[in-house]
Amino acid sequence: MIRAVAPKPVNVLVAKPGFTVAGLAALGVRRISVGGALARTAWGGFMAAAKEIAAQGTFENFARAANGADLNALMSDAERPR
């Protein structure tokens, strides 16, 4: 498909595992979108932690949480004009 539409760019929406940025770039993909996949990933983590608390009364999933310093750095970078 990429060759068929060249020189027009091909964009790919990645919603499931199985692809890599390098692999798509090697195919000639010019733009990769993830749609709502990052939000669904975050909700998956939320649901796993909530189920653990309800079922086991433990908080082990919290070990996977982002720390405040990393989140602050991310938000600071996002606010910087490019």
PDB file of N, CA and C in Angstrom:
ATOM      1  N   MET A   1       0.813  -1.180   0.000  1.00  0.00           N
ATOM      2  CA  MET A   1       0.000   0.000   0.000  1.00  0.00           C
ATOM      3  C   MET A   1       0.868   1.260   0.000  1.00  0.00           C
ATOM      4  N   ILE A   2       1.932   1.244   0.758  1.00  0.00           N
ATOM      5  CA  ILE A   2       2.799   2.421   0.836  1.00  0.00           C
ATOM      6  C   ILE A   2       3.384   2.744  -0.531  1.00  0.00           C
ATOM      7  N   ARG A   3       3.819   1.721  -1.248  1.00  0.00           N
ATOM      8  CA  ARG A   3       4.359   1.946  -2.593  1.00  0.00           C
ATOM      9  C   ARG A   3       3.269   2.411  -3.549  1.00  0.00           C
ATOM     10  N   ALA A   4       2.070   1.891  -3.356  1.00  0.00           N
ATOM     11  CA  ALA A   4       0.972   2.221  -4.276  1.00  0.00           C
ATOM     12  C   ALA A   4       0.566   3.683  -4.192  1.00  0.00           C
ATOM     13  N   VAL A   5       0.686   4.283  -3.021  1.00  0.00           N
ATOM     14  CA  VAL A   5       0.256   5.679  -2.862  1.00  0.00           C
ATOM     15  C   VAL A   5       1.421   6.666  -2.873  1.00  0.00           C
ATOM     16  N   ALA A   6       2.650   6.173  -2.963  1.00  0.00           N
ATOM     17  CA  ALA A   6       3.820   7.053  -2.962  1.00  0.00           C
ATOM     18  C   ALA A   6       3.674   8.088  -4.076  1.00  0.00           C
ATOM     19  N   PRO A   7       4.061   9.316  -3.825  1.00  0.00           N
ATOM     20  CA  PRO A   7       4.810   9.842  -2.692  1.00  0.00           C
ATOM     21  C   PRO A   7       3.927  10.354  -1.553  1.00  0.00           C
ATOM     22  N   LYS A   8       2.625  10.077  -1.595  1.00  0.00           N
ATOM     23  CA  LYS A   8       1.758  10.524  -0.502  1.00  0.00           C
ATOM     24  C   LYS A   8       2.105   9.759   0.770  1.00  0.00           C
ATOM     25  N   PRO A   9       2.017  10.431   1.938  1.00  0.00           N
ATOM     26  CA  PRO A   9       2.374   9.763   3.196  1.00  0.00           C
ATOM     27  C   PRO A   9       1.291   8.772   3.638  1.00  0.00           C
ATOM     28  N   VAL A  10       1.724   7.753   4.334  1.00  0.00           N
ATOM     29  CA  VAL A  10       0.808   6.783   4.923  1.00  0.00           C
ATOM     30  C   VAL A  10       0.866   6.945   6.433  1.00  0.00           C
ATOM     31  N   ASN A  11      -0.298   7.083   7.031  1.00  0.00           N
ATOM     32  CA  ASN A  11      -0.427   7.184   8.479  1.00  0.00           C
ATOM     33  C   ASN A  11      -1.007   5.877   9.002  1.00  0.00           C
ATOM     34  N   VAL A  12      -0.572   5.459  10.198  1.00  0.00           N
ATOM     35  CA  VAL A  12      -1.054   4.217  10.796  1.00  0.00           C
ATOM     36  C   VAL A  12      -1.605   4.520  12.181  1.00  0.00           C
ATOM     37  N   LEU A  13      -2.769   3.952  12.477  1.00  0.00           N
ATOM     38  CA  LEU A  13      -3.359   4.021  13.810  1.00  0.00           C
ATOM     39  C   LEU A  13      -3.038   2.709  14.504  1.00  0.00           C
ATOM     40  N   VAL A  14      -2.230   2.767  15.556  1.00  0.00           N
ATOM     41  CA  VAL A  14      -1.834   1.574  16.297  1.00  0.00           C
ATOM     42  C   VAL A  14      -2.688   1.510  17.563  1.00  0.00           C
ATOM     43  N   ALA A  15      -3.444   0.422  17.695  1.00  0.00           N
ATOM     44  CA  ALA A  15      -4.330   0.269  18.842  1.00  0.00           C
ATOM     45  C   ALA A  15      -4.020  -0.985  19.657  1.00  0.00           C
ATOM     46  N   LYS A  16      -3.186  -1.860  19.122  1.00  0.00           N
ATOM     47  CA  LYS A  16      -2.869  -3.114  19.805  1.00  0.00           C
ATOM     48  C   LYS A  16      -1.373  -3.384  19.697  1.00  0.00           C
ATOM     49  N   PRO A  17      -0.834  -4.232  20.573  1.00  0.00           N
ATOM     50  CA  PRO A  17       0.583  -4.584  20.486  1.00  0.00           C
ATOM     51  C   PRO A  17       0.901  -5.319  19.188  1.00  0.00           C
ATOM     52  N   GLY A  18       2.165  -5.392  18.881  1.00  0.00           N
ATOM     53  CA  GLY A  18       2.603  -6.150  17.718  1.00  0.00           C
ATOM     54  C   GLY A  18       3.390  -5.327  16.718  1.00  0.00           C
ATOM     55  N   PHE A  19       3.384  -4.032  16.881  1.00  0.00           N
ATOM     56  CA  PHE A  19       4.126  -3.147  15.990  1.00  0.00           C
ATOM     57  C   PHE A  19       5.238  -2.472  16.773  1.00  0.00           C
ATOM     58  N   THR A  20       6.216  -1.956  16.052  1.00  0.00           N
ATOM     59  CA  THR A  20       7.241  -1.109  16.662  1.00  0.00           C
ATOM     60  C   THR A  20       7.371   0.154  15.819  1.00  0.00           C
ATOM     61  N   VAL A  21       7.836   1.210  16.438  1.00  0.00           N
ATOM     62  CA  VAL A  21       8.074   2.452  15.705  1.00  0.00           C
ATOM     63  C   VAL A  21       9.092   2.201  14.597  1.00  0.00           C
ATOM     64  N   ALA A  22      10.167   1.504  14.941  1.00  0.00           N
ATOM     65  CA  ALA A  22      11.212   1.237  13.949  1.00  0.00           C
ATOM     66  C   ALA A  22      10.673   0.389  12.797  1.00  0.00           C
ATOM     67  N   GLY A  23       9.856  -0.606  13.106  1.00  0.00           N
ATOM     68  CA  GLY A  23       9.301  -1.459  12.060  1.00  0.00           C
ATOM     69  C   GLY A  23       8.382  -0.700  11.121  1.00  0.00           C
ATOM     70  N   LEU A  24       7.526   0.144  11.671  1.00  0.00           N
ATOM     71  CA  LEU A  24       6.630   0.942  10.831  1.00  0.00           C
ATOM     72  C   LEU A  24       7.419   1.948   9.996  1.00  0.00           C
ATOM     73  N   ALA A  25       8.425   2.568  10.611  1.00  0.00           N
ATOM     74  CA  ALA A  25       9.260   3.521   9.859  1.00  0.00           C
ATOM     75  C   ALA A  25       9.979   2.818   8.706  1.00  0.00           C
ATOM     76  N   ALA A  26      10.451   1.606   8.959  1.00  0.00           N
ATOM     77  CA  ALA A  26      11.145   0.856   7.909  1.00  0.00           C
ATOM     78  C   ALA A  26      10.220   0.540   6.739  1.00  0.00           C
ATOM     79  N   LEU A  27       8.932   0.410   7.021  1.00  0.00           N
ATOM     80  CA  LEU A  27       7.953   0.183   5.955  1.00  0.00           C
ATOM     81  C   LEU A  27       7.657   1.451   5.164  1.00  0.00           C
ATOM     82  N   GLY A  28       8.020   2.600   5.745  1.00  0.00           N
ATOM     83  CA  GLY A  28       7.762   3.863   5.076  1.00  0.00           C
ATOM     84  C   GLY A  28       6.618   4.657   5.673  1.00  0.00           C
ATOM     85  N   VAL A  29       6.104   4.223   6.817  1.00  0.00           N
ATOM     86  CA  VAL A  29       5.037   4.956   7.492  1.00  0.00           C
ATOM     87  C   VAL A  29       5.584   6.300   7.945  1.00  0.00           C
ATOM     88  N   ARG A  30       4.829   7.362   7.698  1.00  0.00           N
ATOM     89  CA  ARG A  30       5.314   8.708   8.011  1.00  0.00           C
ATOM     90  C   ARG A  30       4.731   9.269   9.296  1.00  0.00           C
ATOM     91  N   ARG A  31       3.589   8.723   9.762  1.00  0.00           N
ATOM     92  CA  ARG A  31       2.969   9.233  10.984  1.00  0.00           C
ATOM     93  C   ARG A  31       2.301   8.073  11.691  1.00  0.00           C
ATOM     94  N   ILE A  32       2.534   7.989  13.010  1.00  0.00           N
ATOM     95  CA  ILE A  32       1.916   6.953  13.823  1.00  0.00           C
ATOM     96  C   ILE A  32       1.000   7.631  14.834  1.00  0.00           C
ATOM     97  N   SER A  33      -0.246   7.203  14.869  1.00  0.00           N
ATOM     98  CA  SER A  33      -1.214   7.693  15.848  1.00  0.00           C
ATOM     99  C   SER A  33      -1.563   6.552  16.782  1.00  0.00           C
ATOM    100  N   VAL A  34      -1.940   6.892  18.012  1.00  0.00           N
ATOM    101  CA  VAL A  34      -2.342   5.859  18.959  1.00  0.00           C
ATOM    102  C   VAL A  34      -3.800   6.008  19.392  1.00  0.00           C
ATOM    103  N   GLY A  35      -4.474   7.033  18.887  1.00  0.00           N
ATOM    104  CA  GLY A  35      -5.885   7.202  19.216  1.00  0.00           C
ATOM    105  C   GLY A  35      -6.102   7.206  20.718  1.00  0.00           C
ATOM    106  N   GLY A  36      -7.045   6.420  21.175  1.00  0.00           N
ATOM    107  CA  GLY A  36      -7.367   6.340  22.601  1.00  0.00           C
ATOM    108  C   GLY A  36      -6.605   5.257  23.338  1.00  0.00           C
ATOM    109  N   ALA A  37      -5.606   4.633  22.692  1.00  0.00           N
ATOM    110  CA  ALA A  37      -4.905   3.506  23.311  1.00  0.00           C
ATOM    111  C   ALA A  37      -4.190   3.890  24.603  1.00  0.00           C
ATOM    112  N   LEU A  38      -3.610   5.080  24.671  1.00  0.00           N
ATOM    113  CA  LEU A  38      -2.949   5.483  25.920  1.00  0.00           C
ATOM    114  C   LEU A  38      -3.971   5.649  27.041  1.00  0.00           C
ATOM    115  N   ALA A  39      -5.114   6.212  26.738  1.00  0.00           N
ATOM    116  CA  ALA A  39      -6.161   6.363  27.755  1.00  0.00           C
ATOM    117  C   ALA A  39      -6.677   4.995  28.208  1.00  0.00           C
ATOM    118  N   ARG A  40      -6.887   4.073  27.250  1.00  0.00           N
ATOM    119  CA  ARG A  40      -7.350   2.727  27.623  1.00  0.00           C
ATOM    120  C   ARG A  40      -6.304   2.004  28.461  1.00  0.00           C
ATOM    121  N   THR A  41      -5.031   2.236  28.169  1.00  0.00           N
ATOM    122  CA  THR A  41      -3.961   1.642  28.964  1.00  0.00           C
ATOM    123  C   THR A  41      -4.010   2.172  30.392  1.00  0.00           C
ATOM    124  N   ALA A  42      -4.198   3.479  30.536  1.00  0.00           N
ATOM    125  CA  ALA A  42      -4.312   4.076  31.874  1.00  0.00           C
ATOM    126  C   ALA A  42      -5.526   3.520  32.611  1.00  0.00           C
ATOM    127  N   TRP A  43      -6.657   3.421  31.934  1.00  0.00           N
ATOM    128  CA  TRP A  43      -7.861   2.861  32.558  1.00  0.00           C
ATOM    129  C   TRP A  43      -7.650   1.402  32.940  1.00  0.00           C
ATOM    130  N   GLY A  44      -6.894   0.663  32.140  1.00  0.00           N
ATOM    131  CA  GLY A  44      -6.589  -0.729  32.490  1.00  0.00           C
ATOM    132  C   GLY A  44      -5.818  -0.818  33.792  1.00  0.00           C
ATOM    133  N   GLY A  45      -4.849   0.084  33.974  1.00  0.00           N
ATOM    134  CA  GLY A  45      -4.099   0.133  35.228  1.00  0.00           C
ATOM    135  C   GLY A  45      -4.988   0.513  36.402  1.00  0.00           C
ATOM    136  N   PHE A  46      -5.882   1.469  36.181  1.00  0.00           N
ATOM    137  CA  PHE A  46      -6.831   1.884  37.213  1.00  0.00           C
ATOM    138  C   PHE A  46      -7.710   0.707  37.627  1.00  0.00           C
ATOM    139  N   MET A  47      -8.251  -0.008  36.625  1.00  0.00           N
ATOM    140  CA  MET A  47      -9.147  -1.129  36.909  1.00  0.00           C
ATOM    141  C   MET A  47      -8.420  -2.261  37.631  1.00  0.00           C
ATOM    142  N   ALA A  48      -7.186  -2.550  37.227  1.00  0.00           N
ATOM    143  CA  ALA A  48      -6.413  -3.602  37.894  1.00  0.00           C
ATOM    144  C   ALA A  48      -6.170  -3.256  39.357  1.00  0.00           C
ATOM    145  N   ALA A  49      -5.811  -1.995  39.632  1.00  0.00           N
ATOM    146  CA  ALA A  49      -5.560  -1.576  41.014  1.00  0.00           C
ATOM    147  C   ALA A  49      -6.850  -1.618  41.840  1.00  0.00           C
ATOM    148  N   ALA A  50      -7.946  -1.151  41.253  1.00  0.00           N
ATOM    149  CA  ALA A  50      -9.219  -1.156  41.976  1.00  0.00           C
ATOM    150  C   ALA A  50      -9.681  -2.583  42.272  1.00  0.00           C
ATOM    151  N   LYS A  51      -9.531  -3.486  41.296  1.00  0.00           N
ATOM    152  CA  LYS A  51      -9.919  -4.892  41.513  1.00  0.00           C
ATOM    153  C   LYS A  51      -9.064  -5.539  42.595  1.00  0.00           C
ATOM    154  N   GLU A  52      -7.770  -5.220  42.599  1.00  0.00           N
ATOM    155  CA  GLU A  52      -6.880  -5.768  43.627  1.00  0.00           C
ATOM    156  C   GLU A  52      -7.311  -5.312  45.008  1.00  0.00           C
ATOM    157  N   ILE A  53      -7.617  -4.022  45.153  1.00  0.00           N
ATOM    158  CA  ILE A  53      -8.051  -3.499  46.450  1.00  0.00           C
ATOM    159  C   ILE A  53      -9.336  -4.198  46.891  1.00  0.00           C
ATOM    160  N   ALA A  54     -10.310  -4.300  45.977  1.00  0.00           N
ATOM    161  CA  ALA A  54     -11.594  -4.908  46.316  1.00  0.00           C
ATOM    162  C   ALA A  54     -11.471  -6.395  46.628  1.00  0.00           C
ATOM    163  N   ALA A  55     -10.672  -7.118  45.860  1.00  0.00           N
ATOM    164  CA  ALA A  55     -10.600  -8.571  46.002  1.00  0.00           C
ATOM    165  C   ALA A  55      -9.616  -9.029  47.076  1.00  0.00           C
ATOM    166  N   GLN A  56      -8.479  -8.325  47.190  1.00  0.00           N
ATOM    167  CA  GLN A  56      -7.419  -8.799  48.072  1.00  0.00           C
ATOM    168  C   GLN A  56      -7.131  -7.861  49.235  1.00  0.00           C
ATOM    169  N   GLY A  57      -7.612  -6.629  49.137  1.00  0.00           N
ATOM    170  CA  GLY A  57      -7.330  -5.660  50.191  1.00  0.00           C
ATOM    171  C   GLY A  57      -5.883  -5.200  50.197  1.00  0.00           C
ATOM    172  N   THR A  58      -5.195  -5.350  49.072  1.00  0.00           N
ATOM    173  CA  THR A  58      -3.794  -4.941  48.980  1.00  0.00           C
ATOM    174  C   THR A  58      -3.637  -3.824  47.947  1.00  0.00           C
ATOM    175  N   PHE A  59      -2.466  -3.236  47.936  1.00  0.00           N
ATOM    176  CA  PHE A  59      -2.203  -2.067  47.100  1.00  0.00           C
ATOM    177  C   PHE A  59      -0.935  -2.247  46.252  1.00  0.00           C
ATOM    178  N   GLU A  60      -0.615  -3.474  45.892  1.00  0.00           N
ATOM    179  CA  GLU A  60       0.629  -3.757  45.170  1.00  0.00           C
ATOM    180  C   GLU A  60       0.680  -3.102  43.793  1.00  0.00           C
ATOM    181  N   ASN A  61      -0.464  -2.904  43.153  1.00  0.00           N
ATOM    182  CA  ASN A  61      -0.473  -2.257  41.838  1.00  0.00           C
ATOM    183  C   ASN A  61       0.007  -0.810  41.900  1.00  0.00           C
ATOM    184  N   PHE A  62      -0.035  -0.215  43.079  1.00  0.00           N
ATOM    185  CA  PHE A  62       0.432   1.166  43.205  1.00  0.00           C
ATOM    186  C   PHE A  62       1.925   1.277  42.909  1.00  0.00           C
ATOM    187  N   ALA A  63       2.669   0.174  42.978  1.00  0.00           N
ATOM    188  CA  ALA A  63       4.104   0.198  42.677  1.00  0.00           C
ATOM    189  C   ALA A  63       4.347   0.573  41.219  1.00  0.00           C
ATOM    190  N   ARG A  64       3.351   0.393  40.357  1.00  0.00           N
ATOM    191  CA  ARG A  64       3.493   0.711  38.934  1.00  0.00           C
ATOM    192  C   ARG A  64       3.138   2.164  38.632  1.00  0.00           C
ATOM    193  N   ALA A  65       2.717   2.914  39.629  1.00  0.00           N
ATOM    194  CA  ALA A  65       2.285   4.296  39.408  1.00  0.00           C
ATOM    195  C   ALA A  65       3.458   5.203  39.066  1.00  0.00           C
ATOM    196  N   ALA A  66       3.185   6.215  38.260  1.00  0.00           N
ATOM    197  CA  ALA A  66       4.188   7.245  37.976  1.00  0.00           C
ATOM    198  C   ALA A  66       4.375   8.080  39.238  1.00  0.00           C
ATOM    199  N   ASN A  67       5.609   8.515  39.479  1.00  0.00           N
ATOM    200  CA  ASN A  67       5.824   9.352  40.659  1.00  0.00           C
ATOM    201  C   ASN A  67       5.569  10.818  40.313  1.00  0.00           C
ATOM    202  N   GLY A  68       5.366  11.596  41.352  1.00  0.00           N
ATOM    203  CA  GLY A  68       5.026  13.009  41.173  1.00  0.00           C
ATOM    204  C   GLY A  68       6.078  13.794  40.411  1.00  0.00           C
ATOM    205  N   ALA A  69       7.352  13.527  40.685  1.00  0.00           N
ATOM    206  CA  ALA A  69       8.424  14.267  40.010  1.00  0.00           C
ATOM    207  C   ALA A  69       8.402  14.005  38.502  1.00  0.00           C
ATOM    208  N   ASP A  70       8.181  12.743  38.111  1.00  0.00           N
ATOM    209  CA  ASP A  70       8.123  12.424  36.679  1.00  0.00           C
ATOM    210  C   ASP A  70       6.920  13.086  36.012  1.00  0.00           C
ATOM    211  N   LEU A  71       5.784  13.078  36.693  1.00  0.00           N
ATOM    212  CA  LEU A  71       4.593  13.722  36.132  1.00  0.00           C
ATOM    213  C   LEU A  71       4.786  15.226  36.010  1.00  0.00           C
ATOM    214  N   ASN A  72       5.378  15.841  37.033  1.00  0.00           N
ATOM    215  CA  ASN A  72       5.640  17.281  36.967  1.00  0.00           C
ATOM    216  C   ASN A  72       6.581  17.616  35.816  1.00  0.00           C
ATOM    217  N   ALA A  73       7.616  16.800  35.627  1.00  0.00           N
ATOM    218  CA  ALA A  73       8.551  17.033  34.521  1.00  0.00           C
ATOM    219  C   ALA A  73       7.849  16.889  33.183  1.00  0.00           C
ATOM    220  N   LEU A  74       6.992  15.898  33.070  1.00  0.00           N
ATOM    221  CA  LEU A  74       6.246  15.699  31.832  1.00  0.00           C
ATOM    222  C   LEU A  74       5.356  16.898  31.544  1.00  0.00           C
ATOM    223  N   MET A  75       4.644  17.364  32.541  1.00  0.00           N
ATOM    224  CA  MET A  75       3.742  18.507  32.346  1.00  0.00           C
ATOM    225  C   MET A  75       4.523  19.788  32.069  1.00  0.00           C
ATOM    226  N   SER A  76       5.664  19.957  32.677  1.00  0.00           N
ATOM    227  CA  SER A  76       6.495  21.135  32.417  1.00  0.00           C
ATOM    228  C   SER A  76       6.972  21.136  30.984  1.00  0.00           C
ATOM    229  N   ASP A  77       7.390  19.969  30.481  1.00  0.00           N
ATOM    230  CA  ASP A  77       7.831  19.850  29.098  1.00  0.00           C
ATOM    231  C   ASP A  77       6.688  20.117  28.140  1.00  0.00           C
ATOM    232  N   ALA A  78       5.467  19.677  28.487  1.00  0.00           N
ATOM    233  CA  ALA A  78       4.316  19.850  27.613  1.00  0.00           C
ATOM    234  C   ALA A  78       3.922  21.317  27.484  1.00  0.00           C
ATOM    235  N   GLU A  79       4.182  22.098  28.521  1.00  0.00           N
ATOM    236  CA  GLU A  79       3.796  23.512  28.505  1.00  0.00           C
ATOM    237  C   GLU A  79       4.785  24.384  27.741  1.00  0.00           C
ATOM    238  N   ARG A  80       5.983  23.860  27.512  1.00  0.00           N
ATOM    239  CA  ARG A  80       7.020  24.615  26.822  1.00  0.00           C
ATOM    240  C   ARG A  80       6.675  24.783  25.344  1.00  0.00           C
ATOM    241  N   PRO A  81       6.698  26.014  24.828  1.00  0.00           N
ATOM    242  CA  PRO A  81       6.430  26.169  23.385  1.00  0.00           C
ATOM    243  C   PRO A  81       7.494  25.486  22.559  1.00  0.00           C
ATOM    244  N   ARG A  82       7.076  24.966  21.426  1.00  0.00           N
ATOM    245  CA  ARG A  82       8.003  24.251  20.539  1.00  0.00           C
ATOM    246  C   ARG A  82       8.277  25.073  19.325  1.00  0.00           C
TER     247      ARG A  82
END
